[in-house]
């Protein structure tokens, strides 16, 4: 079992500090981060917590998976490695840089 945990179904009011404080009850928290939406700046409702040992991570899963947090049932499990993103190409270019010999479109 890894030390990095996925924490889902969080209320939008949850913060990194609250996540850190909550999971510290199970051991040393190396990092705690709520994932934020780039455009709105609001929480996406999930985050990641990294515990210092596998035993602490296991204890956190046991204690918090399915636990109530402000009326929501948290999901806590071992984080899976991030899947590679597909190449979306360059952003912001229109027409792919085509031009004719006269310099126009």
PDB file of N, CA and C in Angstrom:
ATOM      1  N   UNK A   1       0.840  -1.179   0.000  1.00  0.00           N
ATOM      2  CA  UNK A   1       0.000   0.000   0.000  1.00  0.00           C
ATOM      3  C   UNK A   1       0.886   1.244   0.000  1.00  0.00           C
ATOM      4  N   UNK A   2       0.502   2.214  -0.781  1.00  0.00           N
ATOM      5  CA  UNK A   2       1.248   3.469  -0.842  1.00  0.00           C
ATOM      6  C   UNK A   2       0.912   4.373   0.317  1.00  0.00           C
ATOM      7  N   UNK A   3       1.534   5.519   0.322  1.00  0.00           N
ATOM      8  CA  UNK A   3       1.319   6.476   1.396  1.00  0.00           C
ATOM      9  C   UNK A   3       0.419   7.626   0.964  1.00  0.00           C
ATOM     10  N   UNK A   4       0.127   7.725  -0.349  1.00  0.00           N
ATOM     11  CA  UNK A   4      -0.680   8.820  -0.861  1.00  0.00           C
ATOM     12  C   UNK A   4      -2.129   8.368  -0.969  1.00  0.00           C
ATOM     13  N   UNK A   5      -3.021   9.184  -0.405  1.00  0.00           N
ATOM     14  CA  UNK A   5      -4.434   8.846  -0.372  1.00  0.00           C
ATOM     15  C   UNK A   5      -5.262   9.820  -1.189  1.00  0.00           C
ATOM     16  N   UNK A   6      -6.284   9.283  -1.849  1.00  0.00           N
ATOM     17  CA  UNK A   6      -7.295  10.091  -2.521  1.00  0.00           C
ATOM     18  C   UNK A   6      -8.403  10.326  -1.512  1.00  0.00           C
ATOM     19  N   UNK A   7      -8.851  11.564  -1.385  1.00  0.00           N
ATOM     20  CA  UNK A   7      -9.943  11.901  -0.475  1.00  0.00           C
ATOM     21  C   UNK A   7     -11.023  12.587  -1.303  1.00  0.00           C
ATOM     22  N   UNK A   8     -12.154  11.928  -1.471  1.00  0.00           N
ATOM     23  CA  UNK A   8     -13.211  12.450  -2.322  1.00  0.00           C
ATOM     24  C   UNK A   8     -14.492  12.744  -1.576  1.00  0.00           C
ATOM     25  N   UNK A   9     -15.414  13.365  -2.304  1.00  0.00           N
ATOM     26  CA  UNK A   9     -16.735  13.759  -1.801  1.00  0.00           C
ATOM     27  C   UNK A   9     -16.619  14.735  -0.636  1.00  0.00           C
ATOM     28  N   UNK A  10     -15.679  15.660  -0.764  1.00  0.00           N
ATOM     29  CA  UNK A  10     -15.477  16.676   0.268  1.00  0.00           C
ATOM     30  C   UNK A  10     -16.417  17.857   0.029  1.00  0.00           C
ATOM     31  N   UNK A  11     -16.843  18.526   1.095  1.00  0.00           N
ATOM     32  CA  UNK A  11     -17.617  19.749   0.903  1.00  0.00           C
ATOM     33  C   UNK A  11     -16.716  20.828   0.294  1.00  0.00           C
ATOM     34  N   UNK A  12     -17.310  21.745  -0.448  1.00  0.00           N
ATOM     35  CA  UNK A  12     -16.528  22.790  -1.099  1.00  0.00           C
ATOM     36  C   UNK A  12     -15.862  23.736  -0.100  1.00  0.00           C
ATOM     37  N   UNK A  13     -16.290  23.682   1.152  1.00  0.00           N
ATOM     38  CA  UNK A  13     -15.699  24.531   2.197  1.00  0.00           C
ATOM     39  C   UNK A  13     -14.399  23.957   2.758  1.00  0.00           C
ATOM     40  N   UNK A  14     -14.060  22.720   2.407  1.00  0.00           N
ATOM     41  CA  UNK A  14     -12.844  22.083   2.933  1.00  0.00           C
ATOM     42  C   UNK A  14     -11.594  22.814   2.431  1.00  0.00           C
ATOM     43  N   UNK A  15     -10.595  22.884   3.300  1.00  0.00           N
ATOM     44  CA  UNK A  15      -9.333  23.551   2.957  1.00  0.00           C
ATOM     45  C   UNK A  15      -8.164  22.587   3.170  1.00  0.00           C
ATOM     46  N   UNK A  16      -7.002  22.969   2.644  1.00  0.00           N
ATOM     47  CA  UNK A  16      -5.797  22.172   2.863  1.00  0.00           C
ATOM     48  C   UNK A  16      -5.530  22.008   4.356  1.00  0.00           C
ATOM     49  N   UNK A  17      -5.668  23.106   5.103  1.00  0.00           N
ATOM     50  CA  UNK A  17      -5.375  23.084   6.542  1.00  0.00           C
ATOM     51  C   UNK A  17      -6.313  22.137   7.294  1.00  0.00           C
ATOM     52  N   UNK A  18      -7.588  22.159   6.943  1.00  0.00           N
ATOM     53  CA  UNK A  18      -8.555  21.269   7.605  1.00  0.00           C
ATOM     54  C   UNK A  18      -8.236  19.814   7.277  1.00  0.00           C
ATOM     55  N   UNK A  19      -7.893  19.552   6.029  1.00  0.00           N
ATOM     56  CA  UNK A  19      -7.532  18.194   5.614  1.00  0.00           C
ATOM     57  C   UNK A  19      -6.300  17.718   6.386  1.00  0.00           C
ATOM     58  N   UNK A  20      -5.301  18.577   6.492  1.00  0.00           N
ATOM     59  CA  UNK A  20      -4.073  18.244   7.226  1.00  0.00           C
ATOM     60  C   UNK A  20      -4.385  17.947   8.692  1.00  0.00           C
ATOM     61  N   UNK A  21      -5.168  18.815   9.316  1.00  0.00           N
ATOM     62  CA  UNK A  21      -5.508  18.662  10.732  1.00  0.00           C
ATOM     63  C   UNK A  21      -6.300  17.375  10.977  1.00  0.00           C
ATOM     64  N   UNK A  22      -7.240  17.083  10.108  1.00  0.00           N
ATOM     65  CA  UNK A  22      -8.078  15.895  10.260  1.00  0.00           C
ATOM     66  C   UNK A  22      -7.253  14.618  10.161  1.00  0.00           C
ATOM     67  N   UNK A  23      -6.428  14.520   9.123  1.00  0.00           N
ATOM     68  CA  UNK A  23      -5.664  13.293   8.913  1.00  0.00           C
ATOM     69  C   UNK A  23      -4.488  13.169   9.871  1.00  0.00           C
ATOM     70  N   UNK A  24      -4.076  14.244  10.508  1.00  0.00           N
ATOM     71  CA  UNK A  24      -3.000  14.190  11.505  1.00  0.00           C
ATOM     72  C   UNK A  24      -3.396  13.332  12.707  1.00  0.00           C
ATOM     73  N   UNK A  25      -4.697  13.099  12.880  1.00  0.00           N
ATOM     74  CA  UNK A  25      -5.151  12.221  13.967  1.00  0.00           C
ATOM     75  C   UNK A  25      -4.686  10.777  13.750  1.00  0.00           C
ATOM     76  N   UNK A  26      -4.291  10.447  12.517  1.00  0.00           N
ATOM     77  CA  UNK A  26      -3.838   9.086  12.199  1.00  0.00           C
ATOM     78  C   UNK A  26      -2.327   8.989  12.070  1.00  0.00           C
ATOM     79  N   UNK A  27      -1.618  10.123  12.166  1.00  0.00           N
ATOM     80  CA  UNK A  27      -0.169  10.089  12.049  1.00  0.00           C
ATOM     81  C   UNK A  27       0.371  11.355  11.402  1.00  0.00           C
ATOM     82  N   UNK A  28       1.591  11.254  10.929  1.00  0.00           N
ATOM     83  CA  UNK A  28       2.265  12.406  10.327  1.00  0.00           C
ATOM     84  C   UNK A  28       1.789  12.604   8.887  1.00  0.00           C
ATOM     85  N   UNK A  29       1.291  13.801   8.622  1.00  0.00           N
ATOM     86  CA  UNK A  29       0.834  14.152   7.283  1.00  0.00           C
ATOM     87  C   UNK A  29       1.972  14.878   6.570  1.00  0.00           C
ATOM     88  N   UNK A  30       2.459  14.265   5.490  1.00  0.00           N
ATOM     89  CA  UNK A  30       3.538  14.879   4.712  1.00  0.00           C
ATOM     90  C   UNK A  30       3.002  16.035   3.867  1.00  0.00           C
ATOM     91  N   UNK A  31       1.805  15.869   3.303  1.00  0.00           N
ATOM     92  CA  UNK A  31       1.172  16.935   2.523  1.00  0.00           C
ATOM     93  C   UNK A  31      -0.329  16.689   2.474  1.00  0.00           C
ATOM     94  N   UNK A  32      -1.072  17.767   2.307  1.00  0.00           N
ATOM     95  CA  UNK A  32      -2.529  17.693   2.167  1.00  0.00           C
ATOM     96  C   UNK A  32      -2.926  18.805   1.205  1.00  0.00           C
ATOM     97  N   UNK A  33      -3.640  18.417   0.137  1.00  0.00           N
ATOM     98  CA  UNK A  33      -3.963  19.415  -0.884  1.00  0.00           C
ATOM     99  C   UNK A  33      -5.341  19.165  -1.462  1.00  0.00           C
ATOM    100  N   UNK A  34      -6.167  20.192  -1.436  1.00  0.00           N
ATOM    101  CA  UNK A  34      -7.466  20.181  -2.099  1.00  0.00           C
ATOM    102  C   UNK A  34      -7.227  20.600  -3.543  1.00  0.00           C
ATOM    103  N   UNK A  35      -7.828  19.906  -4.490  1.00  0.00           N
ATOM    104  CA  UNK A  35      -7.676  20.245  -5.904  1.00  0.00           C
ATOM    105  C   UNK A  35      -8.678  21.336  -6.259  1.00  0.00           C
ATOM    106  N   UNK A  36      -8.146  22.405  -6.867  1.00  0.00           N
ATOM    107  CA  UNK A  36      -8.966  23.568  -7.194  1.00  0.00           C
ATOM    108  C   UNK A  36      -9.203  23.651  -8.697  1.00  0.00           C
ATOM    109  N   UNK A  37     -10.364  24.165  -9.079  1.00  0.00           N
ATOM    110  CA  UNK A  37     -10.680  24.399 -10.480  1.00  0.00           C
ATOM    111  C   UNK A  37      -9.890  25.610 -10.959  1.00  0.00           C
ATOM    112  N   UNK A  38      -9.208  25.477 -12.076  1.00  0.00           N
ATOM    113  CA  UNK A  38      -8.364  26.566 -12.591  1.00  0.00           C
ATOM    114  C   UNK A  38      -9.160  27.815 -12.928  1.00  0.00           C
ATOM    115  N   UNK A  39     -10.321  27.635 -13.517  1.00  0.00           N
ATOM    116  CA  UNK A  39     -11.083  28.789 -13.983  1.00  0.00           C
ATOM    117  C   UNK A  39     -11.849  29.495 -12.878  1.00  0.00           C
ATOM    118  N   UNK A  40     -12.521  28.735 -12.018  1.00  0.00           N
ATOM    119  CA  UNK A  40     -13.352  29.361 -10.982  1.00  0.00           C
ATOM    120  C   UNK A  40     -12.596  29.596  -9.681  1.00  0.00           C
ATOM    121  N   UNK A  41     -11.510  28.844  -9.452  1.00  0.00           N
ATOM    122  CA  UNK A  41     -10.777  28.965  -8.197  1.00  0.00           C
ATOM    123  C   UNK A  41     -11.454  28.251  -7.043  1.00  0.00           C
ATOM    124  N   UNK A  42     -12.544  27.527  -7.316  1.00  0.00           N
ATOM    125  CA  UNK A  42     -13.267  26.788  -6.276  1.00  0.00           C
ATOM    126  C   UNK A  42     -12.750  25.358  -6.173  1.00  0.00           C
ATOM    127  N   UNK A  43     -12.996  24.775  -5.020  1.00  0.00           N
ATOM    128  CA  UNK A  43     -12.623  23.380  -4.794  1.00  0.00           C
ATOM    129  C   UNK A  43     -13.373  22.476  -5.775  1.00  0.00           C
ATOM    130  N   UNK A  44     -12.705  21.410  -6.208  1.00  0.00           N
ATOM    131  CA  UNK A  44     -13.359  20.414  -7.047  1.00  0.00           C
ATOM    132  C   UNK A  44     -14.019  19.326  -6.197  1.00  0.00           C
ATOM    133  N   UNK A  45     -13.874  19.416  -4.878  1.00  0.00           N
ATOM    134  CA  UNK A  45     -14.518  18.449  -3.989  1.00  0.00           C
ATOM    135  C   UNK A  45     -13.691  17.207  -3.708  1.00  0.00           C
ATOM    136  N   UNK A  46     -12.414  17.254  -4.063  1.00  0.00           N
ATOM    137  CA  UNK A  46     -11.535  16.132  -3.726  1.00  0.00           C
ATOM    138  C   UNK A  46     -10.118  16.648  -3.522  1.00  0.00           C
ATOM    139  N   UNK A  47      -9.290  15.793  -2.937  1.00  0.00           N
ATOM    140  CA  UNK A  47      -7.905  16.176  -2.690  1.00  0.00           C
ATOM    141  C   UNK A  47      -7.049  14.954  -2.435  1.00  0.00           C
ATOM    142  N   UNK A  48      -5.818  15.226  -2.048  1.00  0.00           N
ATOM    143  CA  UNK A  48      -4.855  14.153  -1.781  1.00  0.00           C
ATOM    144  C   UNK A  48      -4.143  14.428  -0.470  1.00  0.00           C
ATOM    145  N   UNK A  49      -3.911  13.361   0.280  1.00  0.00           N
ATOM    146  CA  UNK A  49      -3.177  13.436   1.541  1.00  0.00           C
ATOM    147  C   UNK A  49      -2.057  12.419   1.461  1.00  0.00           C
ATOM    148  N   UNK A  50      -0.861  12.846   1.819  1.00  0.00           N
ATOM    149  CA  UNK A  50       0.270  11.924   1.837  1.00  0.00           C
ATOM    150  C   UNK A  50       0.682  11.695   3.282  1.00  0.00           C
ATOM    151  N   UNK A  51       0.584  10.441   3.709  1.00  0.00           N
ATOM    152  CA  UNK A  51       0.952  10.056   5.072  1.00  0.00           C
ATOM    153  C   UNK A  51       2.403   9.578   5.063  1.00  0.00           C
ATOM    154  N   UNK A  52       3.066   9.648   6.234  1.00  0.00           N
ATOM    155  CA  UNK A  52       4.488   9.310   6.276  1.00  0.00           C
ATOM    156  C   UNK A  52       4.761   7.810   6.231  1.00  0.00           C
ATOM    157  N   UNK A  53       3.810   6.969   6.648  1.00  0.00           N
ATOM    158  CA  UNK A  53       4.020   5.517   6.588  1.00  0.00           C
ATOM    159  C   UNK A  53       2.788   4.821   6.025  1.00  0.00           C
ATOM    160  N   UNK A  54       2.995   3.614   5.540  1.00  0.00           N
ATOM    161  CA  UNK A  54       1.890   2.818   5.010  1.00  0.00           C
ATOM    162  C   UNK A  54       0.888   2.472   6.111  1.00  0.00           C
ATOM    163  N   UNK A  55       1.368   2.228   7.329  1.00  0.00           N
ATOM    164  CA  UNK A  55       0.471   1.909   8.440  1.00  0.00           C
ATOM    165  C   UNK A  55      -0.440   3.092   8.772  1.00  0.00           C
ATOM    166  N   UNK A  56       0.115   4.305   8.722  1.00  0.00           N
ATOM    167  CA  UNK A  56      -0.700   5.495   8.978  1.00  0.00           C
ATOM    168  C   UNK A  56      -1.738   5.677   7.870  1.00  0.00           C
ATOM    169  N   UNK A  57      -1.345   5.415   6.636  1.00  0.00           N
ATOM    170  CA  UNK A  57      -2.278   5.523   5.514  1.00  0.00           C
ATOM    171  C   UNK A  57      -3.414   4.515   5.674  1.00  0.00           C
ATOM    172  N   UNK A  58      -3.067   3.303   6.059  1.00  0.00           N
ATOM    173  CA  UNK A  58      -4.081   2.263   6.262  1.00  0.00           C
ATOM    174  C   UNK A  58      -5.046   2.662   7.383  1.00  0.00           C
ATOM    175  N   UNK A  59      -4.514   3.211   8.462  1.00  0.00           N
ATOM    176  CA  UNK A  59      -5.355   3.659   9.572  1.00  0.00           C
ATOM    177  C   UNK A  59      -6.303   4.783   9.126  1.00  0.00           C
ATOM    178  N   UNK A  60      -5.791   5.714   8.318  1.00  0.00           N
ATOM    179  CA  UNK A  60      -6.613   6.822   7.832  1.00  0.00           C
ATOM    180  C   UNK A  60      -7.750   6.313   6.947  1.00  0.00           C
ATOM    181  N   UNK A  61      -7.455   5.342   6.083  1.00  0.00           N
ATOM    182  CA  UNK A  61      -8.502   4.764   5.231  1.00  0.00           C
ATOM    183  C   UNK A  61      -9.562   4.115   6.104  1.00  0.00           C
ATOM    184  N   UNK A  62      -9.116   3.339   7.068  1.00  0.00           N
ATOM    185  CA  UNK A  62     -10.037   2.638   7.969  1.00  0.00           C
ATOM    186  C   UNK A  62     -10.918   3.620   8.752  1.00  0.00           C
ATOM    187  N   UNK A  63     -10.319   4.717   9.194  1.00  0.00           N
ATOM    188  CA  UNK A  63     -11.045   5.682  10.032  1.00  0.00           C
ATOM    189  C   UNK A  63     -11.962   6.591   9.228  1.00  0.00           C
ATOM    190  N   UNK A  64     -11.533   7.030   8.043  1.00  0.00           N
ATOM    191  CA  UNK A  64     -12.270   8.084   7.341  1.00  0.00           C
ATOM    192  C   UNK A  64     -13.059   7.649   6.114  1.00  0.00           C
ATOM    193  N   UNK A  65     -12.780   6.486   5.530  1.00  0.00           N
ATOM    194  CA  UNK A  65     -13.562   6.073   4.369  1.00  0.00           C
ATOM    195  C   UNK A  65     -15.004   5.830   4.799  1.00  0.00           C
ATOM    196  N   UNK A  66     -15.926   6.592   4.226  1.00  0.00           N
ATOM    197  CA  UNK A  66     -17.343   6.483   4.581  1.00  0.00           C
ATOM    198  C   UNK A  66     -17.760   7.354   5.749  1.00  0.00           C
ATOM    199  N   UNK A  67     -16.795   8.052   6.373  1.00  0.00           N
ATOM    200  CA  UNK A  67     -17.110   8.913   7.512  1.00  0.00           C
ATOM    201  C   UNK A  67     -17.856  10.165   7.053  1.00  0.00           C
ATOM    202  N   UNK A  68     -18.697  10.690   7.913  1.00  0.00           N
ATOM    203  CA  UNK A  68     -19.464  11.896   7.617  1.00  0.00           C
ATOM    204  C   UNK A  68     -18.594  13.134   7.816  1.00  0.00           C
ATOM    205  N   UNK A  69     -18.595  13.999   6.812  1.00  0.00           N
ATOM    206  CA  UNK A  69     -17.879  15.272   6.904  1.00  0.00           C
ATOM    207  C   UNK A  69     -18.835  16.346   6.399  1.00  0.00           C
ATOM    208  N   UNK A  70     -19.394  17.106   7.305  1.00  0.00           N
ATOM    209  CA  UNK A  70     -20.374  18.153   6.997  1.00  0.00           C
ATOM    210  C   UNK A  70     -21.514  17.612   6.147  1.00  0.00           C
ATOM    211  N   UNK A  71     -22.025  16.444   6.516  1.00  0.00           N
ATOM    212  CA  UNK A  71     -23.166  15.862   5.831  1.00  0.00           C
ATOM    213  C   UNK A  71     -22.837  15.079   4.570  1.00  0.00           C
ATOM    214  N   UNK A  72     -21.565  14.904   4.274  1.00  0.00           N
ATOM    215  CA  UNK A  72     -21.153  14.154   3.084  1.00  0.00           C
ATOM    216  C   UNK A  72     -20.316  12.953   3.513  1.00  0.00           C
ATOM    217  N   UNK A  73     -20.531  11.821   2.851  1.00  0.00           N
ATOM    218  CA  UNK A  73     -19.741  10.615   3.147  1.00  0.00           C
ATOM    219  C   UNK A  73     -18.439  10.668   2.364  1.00  0.00           C
ATOM    220  N   UNK A  74     -17.344  10.838   3.085  1.00  0.00           N
ATOM    221  CA  UNK A  74     -16.029  10.913   2.441  1.00  0.00           C
ATOM    222  C   UNK A  74     -15.648   9.574   1.815  1.00  0.00           C
ATOM    223  N   UNK A  75     -14.923   9.656   0.731  1.00  0.00           N
ATOM    224  CA  UNK A  75     -14.300   8.493   0.102  1.00  0.00           C
ATOM    225  C   UNK A  75     -12.804   8.637   0.326  1.00  0.00           C
ATOM    226  N   UNK A  76     -12.203   7.641   0.962  1.00  0.00           N
ATOM    227  CA  UNK A  76     -10.755   7.667   1.194  1.00  0.00           C
ATOM    228  C   UNK A  76     -10.190   6.328   0.765  1.00  0.00           C
ATOM    229  N   UNK A  77      -9.252   6.370  -0.179  1.00  0.00           N
ATOM    230  CA  UNK A  77      -8.586   5.147  -0.600  1.00  0.00           C
ATOM    231  C   UNK A  77      -7.201   5.480  -1.127  1.00  0.00           C
ATOM    232  N   UNK A  78      -6.461   4.432  -1.435  1.00  0.00           N
ATOM    233  CA  UNK A  78      -5.110   4.627  -1.956  1.00  0.00           C
ATOM    234  C   UNK A  78      -5.194   5.338  -3.301  1.00  0.00           C
ATOM    235  N   UNK A  79      -4.386   6.374  -3.458  1.00  0.00           N
ATOM    236  CA  UNK A  79      -4.376   7.127  -4.712  1.00  0.00           C
ATOM    237  C   UNK A  79      -3.740   6.290  -5.806  1.00  0.00           C
ATOM    238  N   UNK A  80      -4.339   6.337  -6.985  1.00  0.00           N
ATOM    239  CA  UNK A  80      -3.771   5.655  -8.152  1.00  0.00           C
ATOM    240  C   UNK A  80      -2.876   6.630  -8.891  1.00  0.00           C
ATOM    241  N   UNK A  81      -1.853   6.131  -9.580  1.00  0.00           N
ATOM    242  CA  UNK A  81      -0.996   7.033 -10.358  1.00  0.00           C
ATOM    243  C   UNK A  81      -1.818   7.764 -11.418  1.00  0.00           C
ATOM    244  N   UNK A  82      -1.453   9.007 -11.675  1.00  0.00           N
ATOM    245  CA  UNK A  82      -2.165   9.812 -12.653  1.00  0.00           C
ATOM    246  C   UNK A  82      -1.933   9.242 -14.049  1.00  0.00           C
ATOM    247  N   UNK A  83      -3.003   9.062 -14.792  1.00  0.00           N
ATOM    248  CA  UNK A  83      -2.900   8.554 -16.162  1.00  0.00           C
ATOM    249  C   UNK A  83      -2.312   9.637 -17.046  1.00  0.00           C
ATOM    250  N   UNK A  84      -1.509   9.249 -18.030  1.00  0.00           N
ATOM    251  CA  UNK A  84      -0.951  10.260 -18.931  1.00  0.00           C
ATOM    252  C   UNK A  84      -2.074  10.949 -19.703  1.00  0.00           C
ATOM    253  N   UNK A  85      -1.943  12.247 -19.854  1.00  0.00           N
ATOM    254  CA  UNK A  85      -2.949  13.010 -20.586  1.00  0.00           C
ATOM    255  C   UNK A  85      -2.664  12.919 -22.068  1.00  0.00           C
ATOM    256  N   UNK A  86      -3.726  12.921 -22.862  1.00  0.00           N
ATOM    257  CA  UNK A  86      -3.518  12.906 -24.307  1.00  0.00           C
ATOM    258  C   UNK A  86      -3.079  14.283 -24.754  1.00  0.00           C
ATOM    259  N   UNK A  87      -2.265  14.321 -25.785  1.00  0.00           N
ATOM    260  CA  UNK A  87      -1.769  15.589 -26.302  1.00  0.00           C
ATOM    261  C   UNK A  87      -2.918  16.319 -26.990  1.00  0.00           C
ATOM    262  N   UNK A  88      -3.206  17.497 -26.500  1.00  0.00           N
ATOM    263  CA  UNK A  88      -4.309  18.271 -27.058  1.00  0.00           C
ATOM    264  C   UNK A  88      -3.817  19.280 -28.081  1.00  0.00           C
ATOM    265  N   UNK A  89      -2.541  19.285 -28.362  1.00  0.00           N
ATOM    266  CA  UNK A  89      -1.986  20.238 -29.319  1.00  0.00           C
ATOM    267  C   UNK A  89      -1.804  21.587 -28.677  1.00  0.00           C
ATOM    268  N   UNK A  90      -1.310  22.524 -29.468  1.00  0.00           N
ATOM    269  CA  UNK A  90      -1.099  23.857 -28.915  1.00  0.00           C
ATOM    270  C   UNK A  90      -2.424  24.592 -28.840  1.00  0.00           C
ATOM    271  N   UNK A  91      -2.552  25.408 -27.831  1.00  0.00           N
ATOM    272  CA  UNK A  91      -3.779  26.171 -27.647  1.00  0.00           C
ATOM    273  C   UNK A  91      -3.581  27.588 -28.162  1.00  0.00           C
ATOM    274  N   UNK A  92      -4.645  28.181 -28.593  1.00  0.00           N
ATOM    275  CA  UNK A  92      -4.613  29.588 -28.948  1.00  0.00           C
ATOM    276  C   UNK A  92      -4.239  29.890 -30.377  1.00  0.00           C
ATOM    277  N   UNK A  93      -3.894  28.898 -31.171  1.00  0.00           N
ATOM    278  CA  UNK A  93      -3.573  29.206 -32.567  1.00  0.00           C
ATOM    279  C   UNK A  93      -4.806  28.919 -33.407  1.00  0.00           C
ATOM    280  N   UNK A  94      -5.078  29.792 -34.315  1.00  0.00           N
ATOM    281  CA  UNK A  94      -6.229  29.630 -35.189  1.00  0.00           C
ATOM    282  C   UNK A  94      -5.731  29.226 -36.558  1.00  0.00           C
ATOM    283  N   UNK A  95      -6.328  28.211 -37.126  1.00  0.00           N
ATOM    284  CA  UNK A  95      -6.005  27.810 -38.478  1.00  0.00           C
ATOM    285  C   UNK A  95      -4.723  27.022 -38.628  1.00  0.00           C
ATOM    286  N   UNK A  96      -4.038  26.729 -37.564  1.00  0.00           N
ATOM    287  CA  UNK A  96      -2.858  25.884 -37.624  1.00  0.00           C
ATOM    288  C   UNK A  96      -1.674  26.515 -38.339  1.00  0.00           C
ATOM    289  N   UNK A  97      -1.637  27.823 -38.460  1.00  0.00           N
ATOM    290  CA  UNK A  97      -0.487  28.498 -39.038  1.00  0.00           C
ATOM    291  C   UNK A  97      -0.438  28.463 -40.557  1.00  0.00           C
ATOM    292  N   UNK A  98      -1.553  28.220 -41.202  1.00  0.00           N
ATOM    293  CA  UNK A  98      -1.581  28.180 -42.675  1.00  0.00           C
ATOM    294  C   UNK A  98      -1.488  29.591 -43.251  1.00  0.00           C
ATOM    295  N   UNK A  99      -0.803  29.713 -44.314  1.00  0.00           N
ATOM    296  CA  UNK A  99      -0.783  30.981 -45.044  1.00  0.00           C
ATOM    297  C   UNK A  99      -0.477  30.706 -46.501  1.00  0.00           C
ATOM    298  N   UNK A 100      -0.810  31.645 -47.353  1.00  0.00           N
ATOM    299  CA  UNK A 100      -0.454  31.463 -48.760  1.00  0.00           C
ATOM    300  C   UNK A 100       0.745  32.328 -49.080  1.00  0.00           C
ATOM    301  N   UNK A 101       1.206  32.274 -50.307  1.00  0.00           N
ATOM    302  CA  UNK A 101       2.430  32.977 -50.687  1.00  0.00           C
ATOM    303  C   UNK A 101       2.300  34.497 -50.623  1.00  0.00           C
ATOM    304  N   UNK A 102       1.077  35.006 -50.587  1.00  0.00           N
ATOM    305  CA  UNK A 102       0.868  36.457 -50.533  1.00  0.00           C
ATOM    306  C   UNK A 102       0.834  36.967 -49.093  1.00  0.00           C
ATOM    307  N   UNK A 103       0.992  36.067 -48.128  1.00  0.00           N
ATOM    308  CA  UNK A 103       0.981  36.472 -46.729  1.00  0.00           C
ATOM    309  C   UNK A 103      -0.412  36.590 -46.143  1.00  0.00           C
ATOM    310  N   UNK A 104      -1.421  36.265 -46.897  1.00  0.00           N
ATOM    311  CA  UNK A 104      -2.791  36.328 -46.387  1.00  0.00           C
ATOM    312  C   UNK A 104      -3.370  34.943 -46.212  1.00  0.00           C
ATOM    313  N   UNK A 105      -4.602  34.874 -45.935  1.00  0.00           N
ATOM    314  CA  UNK A 105      -5.275  33.601 -45.731  1.00  0.00           C
ATOM    315  C   UNK A 105      -5.916  33.254 -47.011  1.00  0.00           C
TER     316      UNK A 105
END
